[in-house]
mmCIF file of all heavy atoms, coordinates in Angstrom:
data_MODEL
# 
_entry.id   MODEL 
# 
loop_
_atom_site.group_PDB 
_atom_site.id 
_atom_site.type_symbol 
_atom_site.label_atom_id 
_atom_site.label_alt_id 
_atom_site.label_comp_id 
_atom_site.label_asym_id 
_atom_site.label_entity_id 
_atom_site.label_seq_id 
_atom_site.pdbx_PDB_ins_code 
_atom_site.Cartn_x 
_atom_site.Cartn_y 
_atom_site.Cartn_z 
_atom_site.occupancy 
_atom_site.B_iso_or_equiv 
_atom_site.pdbx_formal_charge 
_atom_site.auth_seq_id 
_atom_site.auth_comp_id 
_atom_site.auth_asym_id 
_atom_site.auth_atom_id 
_atom_site.pdbx_PDB_model_num 
ATOM 1   N N   . ALA A 1 1  ? 0.822  -1.205 0.000   1.00 0.00 ? 1  ALA A N   1 
ATOM 2   C CA  . ALA A 1 1  ? 0.000  0.000  0.000   1.00 0.00 ? 1  ALA A CA  1 
ATOM 3   C C   . ALA A 1 1  ? 0.860  1.260  0.000   1.00 0.00 ? 1  ALA A C   1 
ATOM 4   O O   . ALA A 1 1  ? 0.529  2.247  -0.676  1.00 0.00 ? 1  ALA A O   1 
ATOM 5   C CB  . ALA A 1 1  ? -0.938 0.003  1.206   1.00 0.00 ? 1  ALA A CB  1 
ATOM 6   N N   . LEU A 1 2  ? 1.975  1.242  0.723   1.00 0.00 ? 2  LEU A N   1 
ATOM 7   C CA  . LEU A 1 2  ? 2.872  2.393  0.754   1.00 0.00 ? 2  LEU A CA  1 
ATOM 8   C C   . LEU A 1 2  ? 3.468  2.655  -0.620  1.00 0.00 ? 2  LEU A C   1 
ATOM 9   O O   . LEU A 1 2  ? 3.505  3.797  -1.085  1.00 0.00 ? 2  LEU A O   1 
ATOM 10  C CB  . LEU A 1 2  ? 3.976  2.182  1.785   1.00 0.00 ? 2  LEU A CB  1 
ATOM 11  C CG  . LEU A 1 2  ? 5.036  3.281  1.862   1.00 0.00 ? 2  LEU A CG  1 
ATOM 12  C CD1 . LEU A 1 2  ? 4.422  4.585  2.326   1.00 0.00 ? 2  LEU A CD1 1 
ATOM 13  C CD2 . LEU A 1 2  ? 6.167  2.861  2.783   1.00 0.00 ? 2  LEU A CD2 1 
ATOM 14  N N   . THR A 1 3  ? 3.928  1.617  -1.280  1.00 0.00 ? 3  THR A N   1 
ATOM 15  C CA  . THR A 1 3  ? 4.501  1.793  -2.616  1.00 0.00 ? 3  THR A CA  1 
ATOM 16  C C   . THR A 1 3  ? 3.439  2.275  -3.593  1.00 0.00 ? 3  THR A C   1 
ATOM 17  O O   . THR A 1 3  ? 3.689  3.169  -4.403  1.00 0.00 ? 3  THR A O   1 
ATOM 18  C CB  . THR A 1 3  ? 5.145  0.478  -3.096  1.00 0.00 ? 3  THR A CB  1 
ATOM 19  O OG1 . THR A 1 3  ? 6.094  0.053  -2.100  1.00 0.00 ? 3  THR A OG1 1 
ATOM 20  C CG2 . THR A 1 3  ? 5.847  0.652  -4.416  1.00 0.00 ? 3  THR A CG2 1 
ATOM 21  N N   . TRP A 1 4  ? 2.234  1.723  -3.511  1.00 0.00 ? 4  TRP A N   1 
ATOM 22  C CA  . TRP A 1 4  ? 1.129  2.185  -4.360  1.00 0.00 ? 4  TRP A CA  1 
ATOM 23  C C   . TRP A 1 4  ? 0.829  3.657  -4.086  1.00 0.00 ? 4  TRP A C   1 
ATOM 24  O O   . TRP A 1 4  ? 0.627  4.447  -5.014  1.00 0.00 ? 4  TRP A O   1 
ATOM 25  C CB  . TRP A 1 4  ? -0.106 1.325  -4.111  1.00 0.00 ? 4  TRP A CB  1 
ATOM 26  C CG  . TRP A 1 4  ? -1.287 1.724  -4.922  1.00 0.00 ? 4  TRP A CG  1 
ATOM 27  C CD1 . TRP A 1 4  ? -1.549 1.386  -6.223  1.00 0.00 ? 4  TRP A CD1 1 
ATOM 28  C CD2 . TRP A 1 4  ? -2.388 2.539  -4.502  1.00 0.00 ? 4  TRP A CD2 1 
ATOM 29  N NE1 . TRP A 1 4  ? -2.741 1.940  -6.620  1.00 0.00 ? 4  TRP A NE1 1 
ATOM 30  C CE2 . TRP A 1 4  ? -3.268 2.654  -5.578  1.00 0.00 ? 4  TRP A CE2 1 
ATOM 31  C CE3 . TRP A 1 4  ? -2.698 3.182  -3.304  1.00 0.00 ? 4  TRP A CE3 1 
ATOM 32  C CZ2 . TRP A 1 4  ? -4.452 3.389  -5.515  1.00 0.00 ? 4  TRP A CZ2 1 
ATOM 33  C CZ3 . TRP A 1 4  ? -3.879 3.908  -3.237  1.00 0.00 ? 4  TRP A CZ3 1 
ATOM 34  C CH2 . TRP A 1 4  ? -4.735 3.997  -4.323  1.00 0.00 ? 4  TRP A CH2 1 
ATOM 35  N N   . CYS A 1 5  ? 0.825  4.042  -2.817  1.00 0.00 ? 5  CYS A N   1 
ATOM 36  C CA  . CYS A 1 5  ? 0.591  5.432  -2.433  1.00 0.00 ? 5  CYS A CA  1 
ATOM 37  C C   . CYS A 1 5  ? 1.662  6.341  -3.016  1.00 0.00 ? 5  CYS A C   1 
ATOM 38  O O   . CYS A 1 5  ? 1.358  7.400  -3.571  1.00 0.00 ? 5  CYS A O   1 
ATOM 39  C CB  . CYS A 1 5  ? 0.565  5.543  -0.910  1.00 0.00 ? 5  CYS A CB  1 
ATOM 40  S SG  . CYS A 1 5  ? 0.479  7.222  -0.274  1.00 0.00 ? 5  CYS A SG  1 
ATOM 41  N N   . LEU A 1 6  ? 2.920  5.940  -2.893  1.00 0.00 ? 6  LEU A N   1 
ATOM 42  C CA  . LEU A 1 6  ? 4.021  6.756  -3.388  1.00 0.00 ? 6  LEU A CA  1 
ATOM 43  C C   . LEU A 1 6  ? 3.976  6.920  -4.903  1.00 0.00 ? 6  LEU A C   1 
ATOM 44  O O   . LEU A 1 6  ? 4.333  7.978  -5.424  1.00 0.00 ? 6  LEU A O   1 
ATOM 45  C CB  . LEU A 1 6  ? 5.353  6.136  -2.957  1.00 0.00 ? 6  LEU A CB  1 
ATOM 46  C CG  . LEU A 1 6  ? 5.645  6.190  -1.457  1.00 0.00 ? 6  LEU A CG  1 
ATOM 47  C CD1 . LEU A 1 6  ? 6.859  5.340  -1.128  1.00 0.00 ? 6  LEU A CD1 1 
ATOM 48  C CD2 . LEU A 1 6  ? 5.833  7.618  -0.987  1.00 0.00 ? 6  LEU A CD2 1 
ATOM 49  N N   . TYR A 1 7  ? 3.520  5.898  -5.628  1.00 0.00 ? 7  TYR A N   1 
ATOM 50  C CA  . TYR A 1 7  ? 3.388  6.006  -7.081  1.00 0.00 ? 7  TYR A CA  1 
ATOM 51  C C   . TYR A 1 7  ? 2.362  7.067  -7.477  1.00 0.00 ? 7  TYR A C   1 
ATOM 52  O O   . TYR A 1 7  ? 2.429  7.613  -8.563  1.00 0.00 ? 7  TYR A O   1 
ATOM 53  C CB  . TYR A 1 7  ? 3.001  4.662  -7.697  1.00 0.00 ? 7  TYR A CB  1 
ATOM 54  C CG  . TYR A 1 7  ? 4.179  3.819  -8.102  1.00 0.00 ? 7  TYR A CG  1 
ATOM 55  C CD1 . TYR A 1 7  ? 4.611  2.780  -7.301  1.00 0.00 ? 7  TYR A CD1 1 
ATOM 56  C CD2 . TYR A 1 7  ? 4.865  4.067  -9.286  1.00 0.00 ? 7  TYR A CD2 1 
ATOM 57  C CE1 . TYR A 1 7  ? 5.693  2.003  -7.654  1.00 0.00 ? 7  TYR A CE1 1 
ATOM 58  C CE2 . TYR A 1 7  ? 5.951  3.299  -9.645  1.00 0.00 ? 7  TYR A CE2 1 
ATOM 59  C CZ  . TYR A 1 7  ? 6.364  2.271  -8.828  1.00 0.00 ? 7  TYR A CZ  1 
ATOM 60  O OH  . TYR A 1 7  ? 7.442  1.511  -9.180  1.00 0.00 ? 7  TYR A OH  1 
ATOM 61  N N   . GLY A 1 8  ? 1.429  7.360  -6.601  1.00 0.00 ? 8  GLY A N   1 
ATOM 62  C CA  . GLY A 1 8  ? 0.457  8.410  -6.885  1.00 0.00 ? 8  GLY A CA  1 
ATOM 63  C C   . GLY A 1 8  ? 1.028  9.808  -6.726  1.00 0.00 ? 8  GLY A C   1 
ATOM 64  O O   . GLY A 1 8  ? 0.568  10.751 -7.358  1.00 0.00 ? 8  GLY A O   1 
ATOM 65  N N   . TRP A 1 9  ? 2.036  9.951  -5.867  1.00 0.00 ? 9  TRP A N   1 
ATOM 66  C CA  . TRP A 1 9  ? 2.573  11.270 -5.557  1.00 0.00 ? 9  TRP A CA  1 
ATOM 67  C C   . TRP A 1 9  ? 3.929  11.559 -6.187  1.00 0.00 ? 9  TRP A C   1 
ATOM 68  O O   . TRP A 1 9  ? 4.277  12.716 -6.411  1.00 0.00 ? 9  TRP A O   1 
ATOM 69  C CB  . TRP A 1 9  ? 2.707  11.429 -4.042  1.00 0.00 ? 9  TRP A CB  1 
ATOM 70  C CG  . TRP A 1 9  ? 1.396  11.531 -3.350  1.00 0.00 ? 9  TRP A CG  1 
ATOM 71  C CD1 . TRP A 1 9  ? 0.713  10.531 -2.738  1.00 0.00 ? 9  TRP A CD1 1 
ATOM 72  C CD2 . TRP A 1 9  ? 0.587  12.696 -3.204  1.00 0.00 ? 9  TRP A CD2 1 
ATOM 73  N NE1 . TRP A 1 9  ? -0.467 10.994 -2.222  1.00 0.00 ? 9  TRP A NE1 1 
ATOM 74  C CE2 . TRP A 1 9  ? -0.568 12.329 -2.494  1.00 0.00 ? 9  TRP A CE2 1 
ATOM 75  C CE3 . TRP A 1 9  ? 0.723  14.027 -3.608  1.00 0.00 ? 9  TRP A CE3 1 
ATOM 76  C CZ2 . TRP A 1 9  ? -1.576 13.229 -2.177  1.00 0.00 ? 9  TRP A CZ2 1 
ATOM 77  C CZ3 . TRP A 1 9  ? -0.284 14.921 -3.281  1.00 0.00 ? 9  TRP A CZ3 1 
ATOM 78  C CH2 . TRP A 1 9  ? -1.407 14.529 -2.584  1.00 0.00 ? 9  TRP A CH2 1 
ATOM 79  N N   . LEU A 1 10 ? 4.732  10.521 -6.412  1.00 0.00 ? 10 LEU A N   1 
ATOM 80  C CA  . LEU A 1 10 ? 6.105  10.705 -6.866  1.00 0.00 ? 10 LEU A CA  1 
ATOM 81  C C   . LEU A 1 10 ? 6.319  10.090 -8.247  1.00 0.00 ? 10 LEU A C   1 
ATOM 82  O O   . LEU A 1 10 ? 5.540  9.239  -8.683  1.00 0.00 ? 10 LEU A O   1 
ATOM 83  C CB  . LEU A 1 10 ? 7.076  10.026 -5.879  1.00 0.00 ? 10 LEU A CB  1 
ATOM 84  C CG  . LEU A 1 10 ? 7.050  10.505 -4.428  1.00 0.00 ? 10 LEU A CG  1 
ATOM 85  C CD1 . LEU A 1 10 ? 7.934  9.608  -3.572  1.00 0.00 ? 10 LEU A CD1 1 
ATOM 86  C CD2 . LEU A 1 10 ? 7.492  11.950 -4.335  1.00 0.00 ? 10 LEU A CD2 1 
ATOM 87  N N   . PRO A 1 11 ? 7.400  10.475 -8.926  1.00 0.00 ? 11 PRO A N   1 
ATOM 88  C CA  . PRO A 1 11 ? 7.769  9.781  -10.159 1.00 0.00 ? 11 PRO A CA  1 
ATOM 89  C C   . PRO A 1 11 ? 8.062  8.307  -9.859  1.00 0.00 ? 11 PRO A C   1 
ATOM 90  O O   . PRO A 1 11 ? 8.452  7.961  -8.740  1.00 0.00 ? 11 PRO A O   1 
ATOM 91  C CB  . PRO A 1 11 ? 9.036  10.503 -10.630 1.00 0.00 ? 11 PRO A CB  1 
ATOM 92  C CG  . PRO A 1 11 ? 9.046  11.808 -9.917  1.00 0.00 ? 11 PRO A CG  1 
ATOM 93  C CD  . PRO A 1 11 ? 8.282  11.609 -8.643  1.00 0.00 ? 11 PRO A CD  1 
ATOM 94  N N   . PRO A 1 12 ? 7.908  7.420  -10.839 1.00 0.00 ? 12 PRO A N   1 
ATOM 95  C CA  . PRO A 1 12 ? 8.052  5.982  -10.580 1.00 0.00 ? 12 PRO A CA  1 
ATOM 96  C C   . PRO A 1 12 ? 9.363  5.567  -9.919  1.00 0.00 ? 12 PRO A C   1 
ATOM 97  O O   . PRO A 1 12 ? 9.356  4.763  -8.987  1.00 0.00 ? 12 PRO A O   1 
ATOM 98  C CB  . PRO A 1 12 ? 7.909  5.357  -11.967 1.00 0.00 ? 12 PRO A CB  1 
ATOM 99  C CG  . PRO A 1 12 ? 7.091  6.333  -12.729 1.00 0.00 ? 12 PRO A CG  1 
ATOM 100 C CD  . PRO A 1 12 ? 7.466  7.685  -12.210 1.00 0.00 ? 12 PRO A CD  1 
ATOM 101 N N   . ARG A 1 13 ? 10.495 6.087  -10.365 1.00 0.00 ? 13 ARG A N   1 
ATOM 102 C CA  . ARG A 1 13 ? 11.773 5.688  -9.762  1.00 0.00 ? 13 ARG A CA  1 
ATOM 103 C C   . ARG A 1 13 ? 11.863 6.114  -8.299  1.00 0.00 ? 13 ARG A C   1 
ATOM 104 O O   . ARG A 1 13 ? 12.332 5.364  -7.445  1.00 0.00 ? 13 ARG A O   1 
ATOM 105 C CB  . ARG A 1 13 ? 12.943 6.286  -10.538 1.00 0.00 ? 13 ARG A CB  1 
ATOM 106 C CG  . ARG A 1 13 ? 13.263 5.545  -11.784 1.00 0.00 ? 13 ARG A CG  1 
ATOM 107 C CD  . ARG A 1 13 ? 14.522 6.066  -12.396 1.00 0.00 ? 13 ARG A CD  1 
ATOM 108 N NE  . ARG A 1 13 ? 14.838 5.292  -13.577 1.00 0.00 ? 13 ARG A NE  1 
ATOM 109 C CZ  . ARG A 1 13 ? 15.746 5.620  -14.443 1.00 0.00 ? 13 ARG A CZ  1 
ATOM 110 N NH1 . ARG A 1 13 ? 16.460 6.720  -14.263 1.00 0.00 ? 13 ARG A NH1 1 
ATOM 111 N NH2 . ARG A 1 13 ? 15.983 4.867  -15.486 1.00 0.00 ? 13 ARG A NH2 1 
ATOM 112 N N   . ALA A 1 14 ? 11.429 7.331  -8.006  1.00 0.00 ? 14 ALA A N   1 
ATOM 113 C CA  . ALA A 1 14 ? 11.475 7.826  -6.632  1.00 0.00 ? 14 ALA A CA  1 
ATOM 114 C C   . ALA A 1 14 ? 10.530 7.020  -5.741  1.00 0.00 ? 14 ALA A C   1 
ATOM 115 O O   . ALA A 1 14 ? 10.856 6.717  -4.589  1.00 0.00 ? 14 ALA A O   1 
ATOM 116 C CB  . ALA A 1 14 ? 11.108 9.308  -6.582  1.00 0.00 ? 14 ALA A CB  1 
ATOM 117 N N   . ALA A 1 15 ? 9.376  6.650  -6.266  1.00 0.00 ? 15 ALA A N   1 
ATOM 118 C CA  . ALA A 1 15 ? 8.422  5.857  -5.482  1.00 0.00 ? 15 ALA A CA  1 
ATOM 119 C C   . ALA A 1 15 ? 8.987  4.478  -5.178  1.00 0.00 ? 15 ALA A C   1 
ATOM 120 O O   . ALA A 1 15 ? 8.893  3.996  -4.043  1.00 0.00 ? 15 ALA A O   1 
ATOM 121 C CB  . ALA A 1 15 ? 7.103  5.732  -6.242  1.00 0.00 ? 15 ALA A CB  1 
ATOM 122 N N   . LEU A 1 16 ? 9.589  3.846  -6.166  1.00 0.00 ? 16 LEU A N   1 
ATOM 123 C CA  . LEU A 1 16 ? 10.172 2.524  -5.961  1.00 0.00 ? 16 LEU A CA  1 
ATOM 124 C C   . LEU A 1 16 ? 11.348 2.591  -4.981  1.00 0.00 ? 16 LEU A C   1 
ATOM 125 O O   . LEU A 1 16 ? 11.470 1.744  -4.086  1.00 0.00 ? 16 LEU A O   1 
ATOM 126 C CB  . LEU A 1 16 ? 10.620 1.941  -7.299  1.00 0.00 ? 16 LEU A CB  1 
ATOM 127 C CG  . LEU A 1 16 ? 11.119 0.504  -7.257  1.00 0.00 ? 16 LEU A CG  1 
ATOM 128 C CD1 . LEU A 1 16 ? 10.013 -0.424 -6.762  1.00 0.00 ? 16 LEU A CD1 1 
ATOM 129 C CD2 . LEU A 1 16 ? 11.574 0.071  -8.646  1.00 0.00 ? 16 LEU A CD2 1 
ATOM 130 N N   . PHE A 1 17 ? 12.199 3.598  -5.133  1.00 0.00 ? 17 PHE A N   1 
ATOM 131 C CA  . PHE A 1 17 ? 13.340 3.764  -4.233  1.00 0.00 ? 17 PHE A CA  1 
ATOM 132 C C   . PHE A 1 17 ? 12.866 3.992  -2.798  1.00 0.00 ? 17 PHE A C   1 
ATOM 133 O O   . PHE A 1 17 ? 13.370 3.386  -1.855  1.00 0.00 ? 17 PHE A O   1 
ATOM 134 C CB  . PHE A 1 17 ? 14.207 4.932  -4.707  1.00 0.00 ? 17 PHE A CB  1 
ATOM 135 C CG  . PHE A 1 17 ? 15.399 5.200  -3.839  1.00 0.00 ? 17 PHE A CG  1 
ATOM 136 C CD1 . PHE A 1 17 ? 16.474 4.326  -3.822  1.00 0.00 ? 17 PHE A CD1 1 
ATOM 137 C CD2 . PHE A 1 17 ? 15.434 6.319  -3.023  1.00 0.00 ? 17 PHE A CD2 1 
ATOM 138 C CE1 . PHE A 1 17 ? 17.569 4.562  -3.018  1.00 0.00 ? 17 PHE A CE1 1 
ATOM 139 C CE2 . PHE A 1 17 ? 16.522 6.560  -2.208  1.00 0.00 ? 17 PHE A CE2 1 
ATOM 140 C CZ  . PHE A 1 17 ? 17.593 5.682  -2.208  1.00 0.00 ? 17 PHE A CZ  1 
ATOM 141 N N   . THR A 1 18 ? 11.870 4.859  -2.614  1.00 0.00 ? 18 THR A N   1 
ATOM 142 C CA  . THR A 1 18 ? 11.351 5.149  -1.273  1.00 0.00 ? 18 THR A CA  1 
ATOM 143 C C   . THR A 1 18 ? 10.680 3.926  -0.671  1.00 0.00 ? 18 THR A C   1 
ATOM 144 O O   . THR A 1 18 ? 10.831 3.642  0.528   1.00 0.00 ? 18 THR A O   1 
ATOM 145 C CB  . THR A 1 18 ? 10.375 6.333  -1.326  1.00 0.00 ? 18 THR A CB  1 
ATOM 146 O OG1 . THR A 1 18 ? 11.006 7.424  -2.003  1.00 0.00 ? 18 THR A OG1 1 
ATOM 147 C CG2 . THR A 1 18 ? 9.973  6.774  0.048   1.00 0.00 ? 18 THR A CG2 1 
ATOM 148 N N   . GLY A 1 19 ? 9.948  3.177  -1.478  1.00 0.00 ? 19 GLY A N   1 
ATOM 149 C CA  . GLY A 1 19 ? 9.337  1.942  -0.996  1.00 0.00 ? 19 GLY A CA  1 
ATOM 150 C C   . GLY A 1 19 ? 10.379 0.920  -0.563  1.00 0.00 ? 19 GLY A C   1 
ATOM 151 O O   . GLY A 1 19 ? 10.212 0.241  0.450   1.00 0.00 ? 19 GLY A O   1 
ATOM 152 N N   . ALA A 1 20 ? 11.475 0.833  -1.326  1.00 0.00 ? 20 ALA A N   1 
ATOM 153 C CA  . ALA A 1 20 ? 12.553 -0.100 -0.960  1.00 0.00 ? 20 ALA A CA  1 
ATOM 154 C C   . ALA A 1 20 ? 13.229 0.310  0.343   1.00 0.00 ? 20 ALA A C   1 
ATOM 155 O O   . ALA A 1 20 ? 13.544 -0.537 1.186   1.00 0.00 ? 20 ALA A O   1 
ATOM 156 C CB  . ALA A 1 20 ? 13.585 -0.168 -2.088  1.00 0.00 ? 20 ALA A CB  1 
ATOM 157 N N   . ILE A 1 21 ? 13.430 1.607  0.537   1.00 0.00 ? 21 ILE A N   1 
ATOM 158 C CA  . ILE A 1 21 ? 14.019 2.084  1.796   1.00 0.00 ? 21 ILE A CA  1 
ATOM 159 C C   . ILE A 1 21 ? 13.089 1.761  2.960   1.00 0.00 ? 21 ILE A C   1 
ATOM 160 O O   . ILE A 1 21 ? 13.533 1.366  4.042   1.00 0.00 ? 21 ILE A O   1 
ATOM 161 C CB  . ILE A 1 21 ? 14.319 3.593  1.720   1.00 0.00 ? 21 ILE A CB  1 
ATOM 162 C CG1 . ILE A 1 21 ? 15.509 3.819  0.802   1.00 0.00 ? 21 ILE A CG1 1 
ATOM 163 C CG2 . ILE A 1 21 ? 14.570 4.180  3.100   1.00 0.00 ? 21 ILE A CG2 1 
ATOM 164 C CD1 . ILE A 1 21 ? 15.863 5.261  0.580   1.00 0.00 ? 21 ILE A CD1 1 
ATOM 165 N N   . ALA A 1 22 ? 11.781 1.904  2.745   1.00 0.00 ? 22 ALA A N   1 
ATOM 166 C CA  . ALA A 1 22 ? 10.822 1.588  3.807   1.00 0.00 ? 22 ALA A CA  1 
ATOM 167 C C   . ALA A 1 22 ? 10.902 0.114  4.182   1.00 0.00 ? 22 ALA A C   1 
ATOM 168 O O   . ALA A 1 22 ? 10.872 -0.235 5.365   1.00 0.00 ? 22 ALA A O   1 
ATOM 169 C CB  . ALA A 1 22 ? 9.407  1.946  3.364   1.00 0.00 ? 22 ALA A CB  1 
ATOM 170 N N   . VAL A 1 23 ? 11.012 -0.762 3.184   1.00 0.00 ? 23 VAL A N   1 
ATOM 171 C CA  . VAL A 1 23 ? 11.106 -2.197 3.470   1.00 0.00 ? 23 VAL A CA  1 
ATOM 172 C C   . VAL A 1 23 ? 12.337 -2.484 4.317   1.00 0.00 ? 23 VAL A C   1 
ATOM 173 O O   . VAL A 1 23 ? 12.268 -3.208 5.318   1.00 0.00 ? 23 VAL A O   1 
ATOM 174 C CB  . VAL A 1 23 ? 11.146 -3.017 2.154   1.00 0.00 ? 23 VAL A CB  1 
ATOM 175 C CG1 . VAL A 1 23 ? 11.522 -4.453 2.426   1.00 0.00 ? 23 VAL A CG1 1 
ATOM 176 C CG2 . VAL A 1 23 ? 9.813  -2.938 1.434   1.00 0.00 ? 23 VAL A CG2 1 
ATOM 177 N N   . ILE A 1 24 ? 13.457 -1.899 3.959   1.00 0.00 ? 24 ILE A N   1 
ATOM 178 C CA  . ILE A 1 24 ? 14.703 -2.145 4.679   1.00 0.00 ? 24 ILE A CA  1 
ATOM 179 C C   . ILE A 1 24 ? 14.630 -1.603 6.108   1.00 0.00 ? 24 ILE A C   1 
ATOM 180 O O   . ILE A 1 24 ? 15.028 -2.265 7.063   1.00 0.00 ? 24 ILE A O   1 
ATOM 181 C CB  . ILE A 1 24 ? 15.899 -1.523 3.922   1.00 0.00 ? 24 ILE A CB  1 
ATOM 182 C CG1 . ILE A 1 24 ? 16.105 -2.267 2.593   1.00 0.00 ? 24 ILE A CG1 1 
ATOM 183 C CG2 . ILE A 1 24 ? 17.163 -1.551 4.770   1.00 0.00 ? 24 ILE A CG2 1 
ATOM 184 C CD1 . ILE A 1 24 ? 17.023 -1.556 1.635   1.00 0.00 ? 24 ILE A CD1 1 
# 
């Protein structure tokens, strides 16, 4: 849900990077 949320607000690369940092 966080990654899906970030894709709505950020460019795709930034959303994926931020989602990966959250997982870690």
